[in-house]
């Protein structure tokens, strides 16, 4: 094999590895979906108790920065940027379209379970 062919083969292999990792990313467990739905329900309770949207969402974003310092296997729910986006979007929904905490919890749980399905 020439050097160029080996380089191309290695590049293809590395790309395939990254795509394989991506296919496993952002698939929460059922336990994480239940815990995440509790978090979203509690976000709605916090909203009802007077916590401002900016304060709550800003704290979440700060927490995401701190969480990134931990190895993936030690993280809860936000294993990657896609998870962060999903959880933050769901929390934002709590403040932008207020409903009862149980309604937000149920909507999150449905959406989370959909994310569990193979892609």
PDB file of N, CA and C in Angstrom:
ATOM      1  N   UNK A   1       0.832  -1.171   0.000  1.00  0.00           N
ATOM      2  CA  UNK A   1       0.000   0.000   0.000  1.00  0.00           C
ATOM      3  C   UNK A   1       0.882   1.242   0.000  1.00  0.00           C
ATOM      4  N   UNK A   2       0.530   2.185  -0.809  1.00  0.00           N
ATOM      5  CA  UNK A   2       1.295   3.424  -0.822  1.00  0.00           C
ATOM      6  C   UNK A   2       0.903   4.266   0.381  1.00  0.00           C
ATOM      7  N   UNK A   3       1.720   5.229   0.641  1.00  0.00           N
ATOM      8  CA  UNK A   3       1.470   6.121   1.777  1.00  0.00           C
ATOM      9  C   UNK A   3       0.145   6.857   1.615  1.00  0.00           C
ATOM     10  N   UNK A   4      -0.163   7.292   0.407  1.00  0.00           N
ATOM     11  CA  UNK A   4      -1.411   8.023   0.153  1.00  0.00           C
ATOM     12  C   UNK A   4      -2.632   7.142   0.392  1.00  0.00           C
ATOM     13  N   UNK A   5      -2.560   5.890  -0.041  1.00  0.00           N
ATOM     14  CA  UNK A   5      -3.674   4.970   0.149  1.00  0.00           C
ATOM     15  C   UNK A   5      -3.883   4.699   1.638  1.00  0.00           C
ATOM     16  N   UNK A   6      -2.770   4.506   2.377  1.00  0.00           N
ATOM     17  CA  UNK A   6      -2.876   4.298   3.826  1.00  0.00           C
ATOM     18  C   UNK A   6      -3.488   5.522   4.499  1.00  0.00           C
ATOM     19  N   UNK A   7      -3.085   6.693   4.072  1.00  0.00           N
ATOM     20  CA  UNK A   7      -3.606   7.939   4.647  1.00  0.00           C
ATOM     21  C   UNK A   7      -5.114   8.056   4.396  1.00  0.00           C
ATOM     22  N   UNK A   8      -5.539   7.737   3.189  1.00  0.00           N
ATOM     23  CA  UNK A   8      -6.968   7.791   2.858  1.00  0.00           C
ATOM     24  C   UNK A   8      -7.728   6.750   3.674  1.00  0.00           C
ATOM     25  N   UNK A   9      -7.182   5.545   3.768  1.00  0.00           N
ATOM     26  CA  UNK A   9      -7.836   4.483   4.532  1.00  0.00           C
ATOM     27  C   UNK A   9      -7.960   4.883   5.999  1.00  0.00           C
ATOM     28  N   UNK A  10      -6.914   5.475   6.545  1.00  0.00           N
ATOM     29  CA  UNK A  10      -6.957   5.903   7.935  1.00  0.00           C
ATOM     30  C   UNK A  10      -7.990   7.013   8.116  1.00  0.00           C
ATOM     31  N   UNK A  11      -8.038   7.941   7.194  1.00  0.00           N
ATOM     32  CA  UNK A  11      -9.015   9.033   7.269  1.00  0.00           C
ATOM     33  C   UNK A  11     -10.435   8.500   7.241  1.00  0.00           C
ATOM     34  N   UNK A  12     -10.682   7.546   6.363  1.00  0.00           N
ATOM     35  CA  UNK A  12     -12.010   6.931   6.277  1.00  0.00           C
ATOM     36  C   UNK A  12     -12.330   6.211   7.590  1.00  0.00           C
ATOM     37  N   UNK A  13     -11.356   5.511   8.132  1.00  0.00           N
ATOM     38  CA  UNK A  13     -11.556   4.811   9.398  1.00  0.00           C
ATOM     39  C   UNK A  13     -11.861   5.756  10.543  1.00  0.00           C
ATOM     40  N   UNK A  14     -11.120   6.835  10.621  1.00  0.00           N
ATOM     41  CA  UNK A  14     -11.359   7.825  11.677  1.00  0.00           C
ATOM     42  C   UNK A  14     -12.741   8.451  11.504  1.00  0.00           C
ATOM     43  N   UNK A  15     -13.103   8.796  10.277  1.00  0.00           N
ATOM     44  CA  UNK A  15     -14.426   9.379  10.022  1.00  0.00           C
ATOM     45  C   UNK A  15     -15.529   8.397  10.414  1.00  0.00           C
ATOM     46  N   UNK A  16     -15.356   7.124  10.073  1.00  0.00           N
ATOM     47  CA  UNK A  16     -16.351   6.112  10.429  1.00  0.00           C
ATOM     48  C   UNK A  16     -16.479   5.996  11.952  1.00  0.00           C
ATOM     49  N   UNK A  17     -15.352   6.077  12.649  1.00  0.00           N
ATOM     50  CA  UNK A  17     -15.369   6.008  14.111  1.00  0.00           C
ATOM     51  C   UNK A  17     -16.155   7.175  14.693  1.00  0.00           C
ATOM     52  N   UNK A  18     -15.925   8.394  14.169  1.00  0.00           N
ATOM     53  CA  UNK A  18     -16.660   9.555  14.659  1.00  0.00           C
ATOM     54  C   UNK A  18     -18.149   9.431  14.378  1.00  0.00           C
ATOM     55  N   UNK A  19     -18.513   8.925  13.205  1.00  0.00           N
ATOM     56  CA  UNK A  19     -19.925   8.741  12.901  1.00  0.00           C
ATOM     57  C   UNK A  19     -20.545   7.673  13.796  1.00  0.00           C
ATOM     58  N   UNK A  20     -19.783   6.644  14.112  1.00  0.00           N
ATOM     59  CA  UNK A  20     -20.284   5.608  15.018  1.00  0.00           C
ATOM     60  C   UNK A  20     -20.527   6.194  16.400  1.00  0.00           C
ATOM     61  N   UNK A  21     -19.606   7.009  16.875  1.00  0.00           N
ATOM     62  CA  UNK A  21     -19.805   7.663  18.170  1.00  0.00           C
ATOM     63  C   UNK A  21     -21.029   8.558  18.137  1.00  0.00           C
ATOM     64  N   UNK A  22     -21.191   9.295  17.069  1.00  0.00           N
ATOM     65  CA  UNK A  22     -22.336  10.205  16.946  1.00  0.00           C
ATOM     66  C   UNK A  22     -23.648   9.431  16.956  1.00  0.00           C
ATOM     67  N   UNK A  23     -23.653   8.229  16.396  1.00  0.00           N
ATOM     68  CA  UNK A  23     -24.892   7.459  16.364  1.00  0.00           C
ATOM     69  C   UNK A  23     -25.286   6.980  17.761  1.00  0.00           C
ATOM     70  N   UNK A  24     -24.321   6.878  18.683  1.00  0.00           N
ATOM     71  CA  UNK A  24     -24.625   6.469  20.042  1.00  0.00           C
ATOM     72  C   UNK A  24     -24.852   7.670  20.965  1.00  0.00           C
ATOM     73  N   UNK A  25     -24.496   8.841  20.522  1.00  0.00           N
ATOM     74  CA  UNK A  25     -24.629  10.033  21.350  1.00  0.00           C
ATOM     75  C   UNK A  25     -26.092  10.430  21.476  1.00  0.00           C
ATOM     76  N   UNK A  26     -26.401  11.074  22.562  1.00  0.00           N
ATOM     77  CA  UNK A  26     -27.703  11.685  22.769  1.00  0.00           C
ATOM     78  C   UNK A  26     -28.848  10.690  22.801  1.00  0.00           C
ATOM     79  N   UNK A  27     -28.591   9.498  23.296  1.00  0.00           N
ATOM     80  CA  UNK A  27     -29.666   8.540  23.515  1.00  0.00           C
ATOM     81  C   UNK A  27     -29.793   8.342  25.014  1.00  0.00           C
ATOM     82  N   UNK A  28     -30.725   9.036  25.613  1.00  0.00           N
ATOM     83  CA  UNK A  28     -30.867   8.929  27.065  1.00  0.00           C
ATOM     84  C   UNK A  28     -31.434   7.569  27.462  1.00  0.00           C
ATOM     85  N   UNK A  29     -31.201   7.215  28.704  1.00  0.00           N
ATOM     86  CA  UNK A  29     -31.820   6.020  29.264  1.00  0.00           C
ATOM     87  C   UNK A  29     -33.212   6.388  29.754  1.00  0.00           C
ATOM     88  N   UNK A  30     -34.019   5.380  30.026  1.00  0.00           N
ATOM     89  CA  UNK A  30     -35.358   5.647  30.555  1.00  0.00           C
ATOM     90  C   UNK A  30     -35.260   6.349  31.907  1.00  0.00           C
ATOM     91  N   UNK A  31     -34.290   5.938  32.705  1.00  0.00           N
ATOM     92  CA  UNK A  31     -34.083   6.590  34.006  1.00  0.00           C
ATOM     93  C   UNK A  31     -33.767   8.072  33.814  1.00  0.00           C
ATOM     94  N   UNK A  32     -32.892   8.379  32.854  1.00  0.00           N
ATOM     95  CA  UNK A  32     -32.569   9.784  32.587  1.00  0.00           C
ATOM     96  C   UNK A  32     -33.798  10.547  32.100  1.00  0.00           C
ATOM     97  N   UNK A  33     -34.640   9.901  31.307  1.00  0.00           N
ATOM     98  CA  UNK A  33     -35.862  10.569  30.845  1.00  0.00           C
ATOM     99  C   UNK A  33     -36.779  10.896  32.021  1.00  0.00           C
ATOM    100  N   UNK A  34     -36.942   9.943  32.941  1.00  0.00           N
ATOM    101  CA  UNK A  34     -37.779  10.213  34.112  1.00  0.00           C
ATOM    102  C   UNK A  34     -37.168  11.319  34.970  1.00  0.00           C
ATOM    103  N   UNK A  35     -35.862  11.245  35.202  1.00  0.00           N
ATOM    104  CA  UNK A  35     -35.198  12.270  36.013  1.00  0.00           C
ATOM    105  C   UNK A  35     -35.241  13.628  35.312  1.00  0.00           C
ATOM    106  N   UNK A  36     -35.045  13.631  34.007  1.00  0.00           N
ATOM    107  CA  UNK A  36     -35.132  14.879  33.239  1.00  0.00           C
ATOM    108  C   UNK A  36     -36.528  15.466  33.292  1.00  0.00           C
ATOM    109  N   UNK A  37     -37.541  14.606  33.225  1.00  0.00           N
ATOM    110  CA  UNK A  37     -38.916  15.115  33.303  1.00  0.00           C
ATOM    111  C   UNK A  37     -39.188  15.713  34.688  1.00  0.00           C
ATOM    112  N   UNK A  38     -38.610  15.115  35.722  1.00  0.00           N
ATOM    113  CA  UNK A  38     -38.731  15.708  37.069  1.00  0.00           C
ATOM    114  C   UNK A  38     -38.055  17.079  37.106  1.00  0.00           C
ATOM    115  N   UNK A  39     -36.886  17.177  36.477  1.00  0.00           N
ATOM    116  CA  UNK A  39     -36.170  18.455  36.431  1.00  0.00           C
ATOM    117  C   UNK A  39     -37.030  19.523  35.751  1.00  0.00           C
ATOM    118  N   UNK A  40     -37.643  19.169  34.631  1.00  0.00           N
ATOM    119  CA  UNK A  40     -38.476  20.132  33.903  1.00  0.00           C
ATOM    120  C   UNK A  40     -39.719  20.491  34.716  1.00  0.00           C
ATOM    121  N   UNK A  41     -40.307  19.500  35.374  1.00  0.00           N
ATOM    122  CA  UNK A  41     -41.435  19.799  36.260  1.00  0.00           C
ATOM    123  C   UNK A  41     -41.025  20.743  37.375  1.00  0.00           C
ATOM    124  N   UNK A  42     -39.832  20.526  37.930  1.00  0.00           N
ATOM    125  CA  UNK A  42     -39.332  21.413  38.982  1.00  0.00           C
ATOM    126  C   UNK A  42     -38.996  22.800  38.446  1.00  0.00           C
ATOM    127  N   UNK A  43     -38.589  22.874  37.176  1.00  0.00           N
ATOM    128  CA  UNK A  43     -38.362  24.188  36.553  1.00  0.00           C
ATOM    129  C   UNK A  43     -39.672  24.960  36.526  1.00  0.00           C
ATOM    130  N   UNK A  44     -40.772  24.272  36.205  1.00  0.00           N
ATOM    131  CA  UNK A  44     -42.078  24.937  36.191  1.00  0.00           C
ATOM    132  C   UNK A  44     -42.489  25.364  37.603  1.00  0.00           C
ATOM    133  N   UNK A  45     -42.183  24.540  38.594  1.00  0.00           N
ATOM    134  CA  UNK A  45     -42.470  24.935  39.977  1.00  0.00           C
ATOM    135  C   UNK A  45     -41.633  26.143  40.377  1.00  0.00           C
ATOM    136  N   UNK A  46     -40.383  26.173  39.940  1.00  0.00           N
ATOM    137  CA  UNK A  46     -39.519  27.328  40.218  1.00  0.00           C
ATOM    138  C   UNK A  46     -40.089  28.583  39.563  1.00  0.00           C
ATOM    139  N   UNK A  47     -40.530  28.438  38.323  1.00  0.00           N
ATOM    140  CA  UNK A  47     -41.163  29.562  37.614  1.00  0.00           C
ATOM    141  C   UNK A  47     -42.360  30.065  38.402  1.00  0.00           C
ATOM    142  N   UNK A  48     -43.203  29.130  38.855  1.00  0.00           N
ATOM    143  CA  UNK A  48     -44.403  29.506  39.610  1.00  0.00           C
ATOM    144  C   UNK A  48     -44.046  30.161  40.944  1.00  0.00           C
ATOM    145  N   UNK A  49     -42.869  29.844  41.469  1.00  0.00           N
ATOM    146  CA  UNK A  49     -42.422  30.430  42.741  1.00  0.00           C
ATOM    147  C   UNK A  49     -41.750  31.789  42.534  1.00  0.00           C
ATOM    148  N   UNK A  50     -41.628  32.225  41.266  1.00  0.00           N
ATOM    149  CA  UNK A  50     -41.105  33.557  41.001  1.00  0.00           C
ATOM    150  C   UNK A  50     -39.691  33.627  40.469  1.00  0.00           C
ATOM    151  N   UNK A  51     -39.068  32.489  40.191  1.00  0.00           N
ATOM    152  CA  UNK A  51     -37.716  32.513  39.622  1.00  0.00           C
ATOM    153  C   UNK A  51     -37.809  33.041  38.194  1.00  0.00           C
ATOM    154  N   UNK A  52     -36.986  34.010  37.878  1.00  0.00           N
ATOM    155  CA  UNK A  52     -36.996  34.618  36.544  1.00  0.00           C
ATOM    156  C   UNK A  52     -36.365  33.678  35.522  1.00  0.00           C
ATOM    157  N   UNK A  53     -36.863  33.754  34.319  1.00  0.00           N
ATOM    158  CA  UNK A  53     -36.358  32.933  33.216  1.00  0.00           C
ATOM    159  C   UNK A  53     -34.852  33.082  33.045  1.00  0.00           C
ATOM    160  N   UNK A  54     -34.373  34.319  32.990  1.00  0.00           N
ATOM    161  CA  UNK A  54     -32.950  34.568  32.782  1.00  0.00           C
ATOM    162  C   UNK A  54     -32.088  33.972  33.869  1.00  0.00           C
ATOM    163  N   UNK A  55     -32.550  34.052  35.099  1.00  0.00           N
ATOM    164  CA  UNK A  55     -31.779  33.493  36.215  1.00  0.00           C
ATOM    165  C   UNK A  55     -31.721  31.974  36.124  1.00  0.00           C
ATOM    166  N   UNK A  56     -32.848  31.354  35.842  1.00  0.00           N
ATOM    167  CA  UNK A  56     -32.894  29.893  35.778  1.00  0.00           C
ATOM    168  C   UNK A  56     -32.074  29.361  34.607  1.00  0.00           C
ATOM    169  N   UNK A  57     -32.321  29.913  33.425  1.00  0.00           N
ATOM    170  CA  UNK A  57     -31.639  29.438  32.223  1.00  0.00           C
ATOM    171  C   UNK A  57     -30.152  29.777  32.251  1.00  0.00           C
ATOM    172  N   UNK A  58     -29.806  30.923  32.794  1.00  0.00           N
ATOM    173  CA  UNK A  58     -28.397  31.297  32.932  1.00  0.00           C
ATOM    174  C   UNK A  58     -27.655  30.340  33.843  1.00  0.00           C
ATOM    175  N   UNK A  59     -28.307  29.950  34.915  1.00  0.00           N
ATOM    176  CA  UNK A  59     -27.701  28.990  35.847  1.00  0.00           C
ATOM    177  C   UNK A  59     -27.499  27.641  35.161  1.00  0.00           C
ATOM    178  N   UNK A  60     -28.487  27.234  34.353  1.00  0.00           N
ATOM    179  CA  UNK A  60     -28.345  25.969  33.616  1.00  0.00           C
ATOM    180  C   UNK A  60     -27.128  26.015  32.702  1.00  0.00           C
ATOM    181  N   UNK A  61     -26.984  27.105  31.973  1.00  0.00           N
ATOM    182  CA  UNK A  61     -25.845  27.224  31.054  1.00  0.00           C
ATOM    183  C   UNK A  61     -24.525  27.214  31.812  1.00  0.00           C
ATOM    184  N   UNK A  62     -24.493  27.867  32.974  1.00  0.00           N
ATOM    185  CA  UNK A  62     -23.285  27.818  33.808  1.00  0.00           C
ATOM    186  C   UNK A  62     -23.007  26.388  34.279  1.00  0.00           C
ATOM    187  N   UNK A  63     -24.061  25.679  34.649  1.00  0.00           N
ATOM    188  CA  UNK A  63     -23.904  24.290  35.078  1.00  0.00           C
ATOM    189  C   UNK A  63     -23.374  23.418  33.948  1.00  0.00           C
ATOM    190  N   UNK A  64     -23.833  23.664  32.728  1.00  0.00           N
ATOM    191  CA  UNK A  64     -23.343  22.886  31.585  1.00  0.00           C
ATOM    192  C   UNK A  64     -21.833  23.048  31.433  1.00  0.00           C
ATOM    193  N   UNK A  65     -21.350  24.259  31.628  1.00  0.00           N
ATOM    194  CA  UNK A  65     -19.909  24.505  31.529  1.00  0.00           C
ATOM    195  C   UNK A  65     -19.167  23.684  32.579  1.00  0.00           C
ATOM    196  N   UNK A  66     -19.686  23.671  33.788  1.00  0.00           N
ATOM    197  CA  UNK A  66     -19.050  22.896  34.861  1.00  0.00           C
ATOM    198  C   UNK A  66     -19.117  21.401  34.573  1.00  0.00           C
ATOM    199  N   UNK A  67     -20.242  20.934  34.061  1.00  0.00           N
ATOM    200  CA  UNK A  67     -20.433  19.508  33.784  1.00  0.00           C
ATOM    201  C   UNK A  67     -19.461  19.005  32.726  1.00  0.00           C
ATOM    202  N   UNK A  68     -19.139  19.843  31.766  1.00  0.00           N
ATOM    203  CA  UNK A  68     -18.220  19.432  30.691  1.00  0.00           C
ATOM    204  C   UNK A  68     -16.843  19.030  31.221  1.00  0.00           C
ATOM    205  N   UNK A  69     -16.497  19.439  32.422  1.00  0.00           N
ATOM    206  CA  UNK A  69     -15.198  19.088  33.006  1.00  0.00           C
ATOM    207  C   UNK A  69     -15.149  17.626  33.452  1.00  0.00           C
ATOM    208  N   UNK A  70     -16.309  16.984  33.563  1.00  0.00           N
ATOM    209  CA  UNK A  70     -16.374  15.603  34.024  1.00  0.00           C
ATOM    210  C   UNK A  70     -16.394  14.642  32.844  1.00  0.00           C
ATOM    211  N   UNK A  71     -15.851  13.441  33.043  1.00  0.00           N
ATOM    212  CA  UNK A  71     -15.924  12.435  31.979  1.00  0.00           C
ATOM    213  C   UNK A  71     -17.386  12.124  31.653  1.00  0.00           C
ATOM    214  N   UNK A  72     -17.637  11.786  30.420  1.00  0.00           N
ATOM    215  CA  UNK A  72     -18.987  11.536  29.941  1.00  0.00           C
ATOM    216  C   UNK A  72     -19.747  10.536  30.815  1.00  0.00           C
ATOM    217  N   UNK A  73     -19.083   9.470  31.236  1.00  0.00           N
ATOM    218  CA  UNK A  73     -19.773   8.435  32.007  1.00  0.00           C
ATOM    219  C   UNK A  73     -20.192   8.901  33.403  1.00  0.00           C
ATOM    220  N   UNK A  74     -19.664  10.026  33.872  1.00  0.00           N
ATOM    221  CA  UNK A  74     -20.040  10.556  35.183  1.00  0.00           C
ATOM    222  C   UNK A  74     -21.102  11.647  35.088  1.00  0.00           C
ATOM    223  N   UNK A  75     -21.512  11.985  33.901  1.00  0.00           N
ATOM    224  CA  UNK A  75     -22.476  13.070  33.711  1.00  0.00           C
ATOM    225  C   UNK A  75     -23.903  12.542  33.818  1.00  0.00           C
ATOM    226  N   UNK A  76     -24.796  13.451  34.223  1.00  0.00           N
ATOM    227  CA  UNK A  76     -26.217  13.152  34.227  1.00  0.00           C
ATOM    228  C   UNK A  76     -26.845  13.869  33.038  1.00  0.00           C
ATOM    229  N   UNK A  77     -27.479  13.147  32.207  1.00  0.00           N
ATOM    230  CA  UNK A  77     -28.290  13.618  31.082  1.00  0.00           C
ATOM    231  C   UNK A  77     -27.533  14.384  30.008  1.00  0.00           C
ATOM    232  N   UNK A  78     -26.788  15.406  30.346  1.00  0.00           N
ATOM    233  CA  UNK A  78     -26.131  16.232  29.325  1.00  0.00           C
ATOM    234  C   UNK A  78     -24.763  15.661  28.978  1.00  0.00           C
ATOM    235  N   UNK A  79     -24.779  14.632  28.145  1.00  0.00           N
ATOM    236  CA  UNK A  79     -23.555  13.968  27.733  1.00  0.00           C
ATOM    237  C   UNK A  79     -22.860  14.683  26.580  1.00  0.00           C
ATOM    238  N   UNK A  80     -23.612  15.492  25.843  1.00  0.00           N
ATOM    239  CA  UNK A  80     -23.037  16.203  24.702  1.00  0.00           C
ATOM    240  C   UNK A  80     -23.850  17.463  24.414  1.00  0.00           C
ATOM    241  N   UNK A  81     -23.436  18.196  23.407  1.00  0.00           N
ATOM    242  CA  UNK A  81     -24.090  19.467  23.071  1.00  0.00           C
ATOM    243  C   UNK A  81     -25.549  19.276  22.673  1.00  0.00           C
ATOM    244  N   UNK A  82     -25.850  18.162  22.042  1.00  0.00           N
ATOM    245  CA  UNK A  82     -27.233  17.886  21.637  1.00  0.00           C
ATOM    246  C   UNK A  82     -28.127  17.713  22.873  1.00  0.00           C
ATOM    247  N   UNK A  83     -27.609  17.034  23.888  1.00  0.00           N
ATOM    248  CA  UNK A  83     -28.353  16.876  25.139  1.00  0.00           C
ATOM    249  C   UNK A  83     -28.548  18.222  25.826  1.00  0.00           C
ATOM    250  N   UNK A  84     -27.497  19.024  25.852  1.00  0.00           N
ATOM    251  CA  UNK A  84     -27.596  20.355  26.455  1.00  0.00           C
ATOM    252  C   UNK A  84     -28.693  21.162  25.767  1.00  0.00           C
ATOM    253  N   UNK A  85     -28.670  21.142  24.460  1.00  0.00           N
ATOM    254  CA  UNK A  85     -29.650  21.900  23.683  1.00  0.00           C
ATOM    255  C   UNK A  85     -31.069  21.418  23.965  1.00  0.00           C
ATOM    256  N   UNK A  86     -31.250  20.112  24.017  1.00  0.00           N
ATOM    257  CA  UNK A  86     -32.575  19.534  24.284  1.00  0.00           C
ATOM    258  C   UNK A  86     -33.091  19.952  25.657  1.00  0.00           C
ATOM    259  N   UNK A  87     -32.254  19.827  26.683  1.00  0.00           N
ATOM    260  CA  UNK A  87     -32.685  20.168  28.035  1.00  0.00           C
ATOM    261  C   UNK A  87     -32.922  21.670  28.178  1.00  0.00           C
ATOM    262  N   UNK A  88     -32.037  22.472  27.605  1.00  0.00           N
ATOM    263  CA  UNK A  88     -32.195  23.926  27.680  1.00  0.00           C
ATOM    264  C   UNK A  88     -33.442  24.383  26.923  1.00  0.00           C
ATOM    265  N   UNK A  89     -33.674  23.808  25.759  1.00  0.00           N
ATOM    266  CA  UNK A  89     -34.866  24.149  24.963  1.00  0.00           C
ATOM    267  C   UNK A  89     -36.136  23.796  25.745  1.00  0.00           C
ATOM    268  N   UNK A  90     -36.110  22.660  26.413  1.00  0.00           N
ATOM    269  CA  UNK A  90     -37.266  22.231  27.207  1.00  0.00           C
ATOM    270  C   UNK A  90     -37.492  23.159  28.393  1.00  0.00           C
ATOM    271  N   UNK A  91     -36.426  23.573  29.044  1.00  0.00           N
ATOM    272  CA  UNK A  91     -36.555  24.505  30.169  1.00  0.00           C
ATOM    273  C   UNK A  91     -37.028  25.877  29.685  1.00  0.00           C
ATOM    274  N   UNK A  92     -36.534  26.293  28.542  1.00  0.00           N
ATOM    275  CA  UNK A  92     -36.969  27.581  27.980  1.00  0.00           C
ATOM    276  C   UNK A  92     -38.473  27.548  27.691  1.00  0.00           C
ATOM    277  N   UNK A  93     -38.946  26.421  27.207  1.00  0.00           N
ATOM    278  CA  UNK A  93     -40.381  26.235  26.917  1.00  0.00           C
ATOM    279  C   UNK A  93     -41.224  26.459  28.176  1.00  0.00           C
ATOM    280  N   UNK A  94     -40.704  26.028  29.315  1.00  0.00           N
ATOM    281  CA  UNK A  94     -41.399  26.206  30.597  1.00  0.00           C
ATOM    282  C   UNK A  94     -41.676  27.682  30.858  1.00  0.00           C
ATOM    283  N   UNK A  95     -40.722  28.526  30.528  1.00  0.00           N
ATOM    284  CA  UNK A  95     -40.870  29.954  30.804  1.00  0.00           C
ATOM    285  C   UNK A  95     -41.584  30.701  29.679  1.00  0.00           C
ATOM    286  N   UNK A  96     -41.390  30.267  28.448  1.00  0.00           N
ATOM    287  CA  UNK A  96     -42.002  30.974  27.319  1.00  0.00           C
ATOM    288  C   UNK A  96     -43.459  30.594  27.103  1.00  0.00           C
ATOM    289  N   UNK A  97     -43.834  29.391  27.457  1.00  0.00           N
ATOM    290  CA  UNK A  97     -45.208  28.908  27.284  1.00  0.00           C
ATOM    291  C   UNK A  97     -45.662  28.226  28.574  1.00  0.00           C
ATOM    292  N   UNK A  98     -45.930  29.028  29.601  1.00  0.00           N
ATOM    293  CA  UNK A  98     -46.258  28.464  30.911  1.00  0.00           C
ATOM    294  C   UNK A  98     -47.497  27.559  30.876  1.00  0.00           C
ATOM    295  N   UNK A  99     -47.310  26.395  31.435  1.00  0.00           N
ATOM    296  CA  UNK A  99     -48.391  25.441  31.661  1.00  0.00           C
ATOM    297  C   UNK A  99     -48.177  24.853  33.043  1.00  0.00           C
ATOM    298  N   UNK A 100     -49.061  23.968  33.431  1.00  0.00           N
ATOM    299  CA  UNK A 100     -48.908  23.292  34.721  1.00  0.00           C
ATOM    300  C   UNK A 100     -47.617  22.465  34.705  1.00  0.00           C
ATOM    301  N   UNK A 101     -46.955  22.348  35.843  1.00  0.00           N
ATOM    302  CA  UNK A 101     -45.728  21.558  35.903  1.00  0.00           C
ATOM    303  C   UNK A 101     -45.883  20.139  35.331  1.00  0.00           C
ATOM    304  N   UNK A 102     -47.007  19.483  35.631  1.00  0.00           N
ATOM    305  CA  UNK A 102     -47.206  18.122  35.118  1.00  0.00           C
ATOM    306  C   UNK A 102     -47.318  18.089  33.599  1.00  0.00           C
ATOM    307  N   UNK A 103     -47.866  19.136  33.002  1.00  0.00           N
ATOM    308  CA  UNK A 103     -47.954  19.197  31.536  1.00  0.00           C
ATOM    309  C   UNK A 103     -46.560  19.302  30.928  1.00  0.00           C
ATOM    310  N   UNK A 104     -45.715  20.139  31.506  1.00  0.00           N
ATOM    311  CA  UNK A 104     -44.334  20.253  31.020  1.00  0.00           C
ATOM    312  C   UNK A 104     -43.575  18.945  31.239  1.00  0.00           C
ATOM    313  N   UNK A 105     -43.774  18.343  32.385  1.00  0.00           N
ATOM    314  CA  UNK A 105     -43.118  17.073  32.703  1.00  0.00           C
ATOM    315  C   UNK A 105     -43.506  16.005  31.676  1.00  0.00           C
ATOM    316  N   UNK A 106     -44.781  15.901  31.389  1.00  0.00           N
ATOM    317  CA  UNK A 106     -45.266  14.898  30.425  1.00  0.00           C
ATOM    318  C   UNK A 106     -44.743  15.155  29.019  1.00  0.00           C
ATOM    319  N   UNK A 107     -44.743  16.415  28.596  1.00  0.00           N
ATOM    320  CA  UNK A 107     -44.247  16.752  27.258  1.00  0.00           C
ATOM    321  C   UNK A 107     -42.763  16.412  27.136  1.00  0.00           C
ATOM    322  N   UNK A 108     -42.003  16.714  28.175  1.00  0.00           N
ATOM    323  CA  UNK A 108     -40.577  16.384  28.154  1.00  0.00           C
ATOM    324  C   UNK A 108     -40.377  14.874  28.082  1.00  0.00           C
ATOM    325  N   UNK A 109     -41.117  14.133  28.895  1.00  0.00           N
ATOM    326  CA  UNK A 109     -40.959  12.684  28.925  1.00  0.00           C
ATOM    327  C   UNK A 109     -41.256  12.077  27.550  1.00  0.00           C
ATOM    328  N   UNK A 110     -42.315  12.542  26.899  1.00  0.00           N
ATOM    329  CA  UNK A 110     -42.631  12.037  25.552  1.00  0.00           C
ATOM    330  C   UNK A 110     -41.494  12.319  24.583  1.00  0.00           C
ATOM    331  N   UNK A 111     -41.015  13.557  24.585  1.00  0.00           N
ATOM    332  CA  UNK A 111     -39.931  13.942  23.667  1.00  0.00           C
ATOM    333  C   UNK A 111     -38.648  13.175  23.977  1.00  0.00           C
ATOM    334  N   UNK A 112     -38.376  12.954  25.243  1.00  0.00           N
ATOM    335  CA  UNK A 112     -37.167  12.237  25.646  1.00  0.00           C
ATOM    336  C   UNK A 112     -37.225  10.783  25.201  1.00  0.00           C
ATOM    337  N   UNK A 113     -38.359  10.157  25.377  1.00  0.00           N
ATOM    338  CA  UNK A 113     -38.515   8.758  24.964  1.00  0.00           C
ATOM    339  C   UNK A 113     -38.350   8.636  23.451  1.00  0.00           C
ATOM    340  N   UNK A 114     -38.829   9.623  22.709  1.00  0.00           N
ATOM    341  CA  UNK A 114     -38.628   9.627  21.246  1.00  0.00           C
ATOM    342  C   UNK A 114     -37.136   9.666  20.908  1.00  0.00           C
ATOM    343  N   UNK A 115     -36.338  10.361  21.722  1.00  0.00           N
ATOM    344  CA  UNK A 115     -34.893  10.446  21.485  1.00  0.00           C
ATOM    345  C   UNK A 115     -34.191   9.112  21.755  1.00  0.00           C
ATOM    346  N   UNK A 116     -34.839   8.229  22.483  1.00  0.00           N
ATOM    347  CA  UNK A 116     -34.251   6.935  22.787  1.00  0.00           C
ATOM    348  C   UNK A 116     -34.253   6.006  21.569  1.00  0.00           C
ATOM    349  N   UNK A 117     -35.151   6.253  20.635  1.00  0.00           N
ATOM    350  CA  UNK A 117     -35.299   5.376  19.460  1.00  0.00           C
ATOM    351  C   UNK A 117     -34.041   5.429  18.591  1.00  0.00           C
ATOM    352  N   UNK A 118     -33.680   4.281  18.027  1.00  0.00           N
ATOM    353  CA  UNK A 118     -32.504   4.262  17.120  1.00  0.00           C
ATOM    354  C   UNK A 118     -32.729   5.163  15.920  1.00  0.00           C
ATOM    355  N   UNK A 119     -31.639   5.754  15.470  1.00  0.00           N
ATOM    356  CA  UNK A 119     -31.727   6.643  14.307  1.00  0.00           C
ATOM    357  C   UNK A 119     -31.185   5.965  13.096  1.00  0.00           C
TER     358      UNK A 119
END
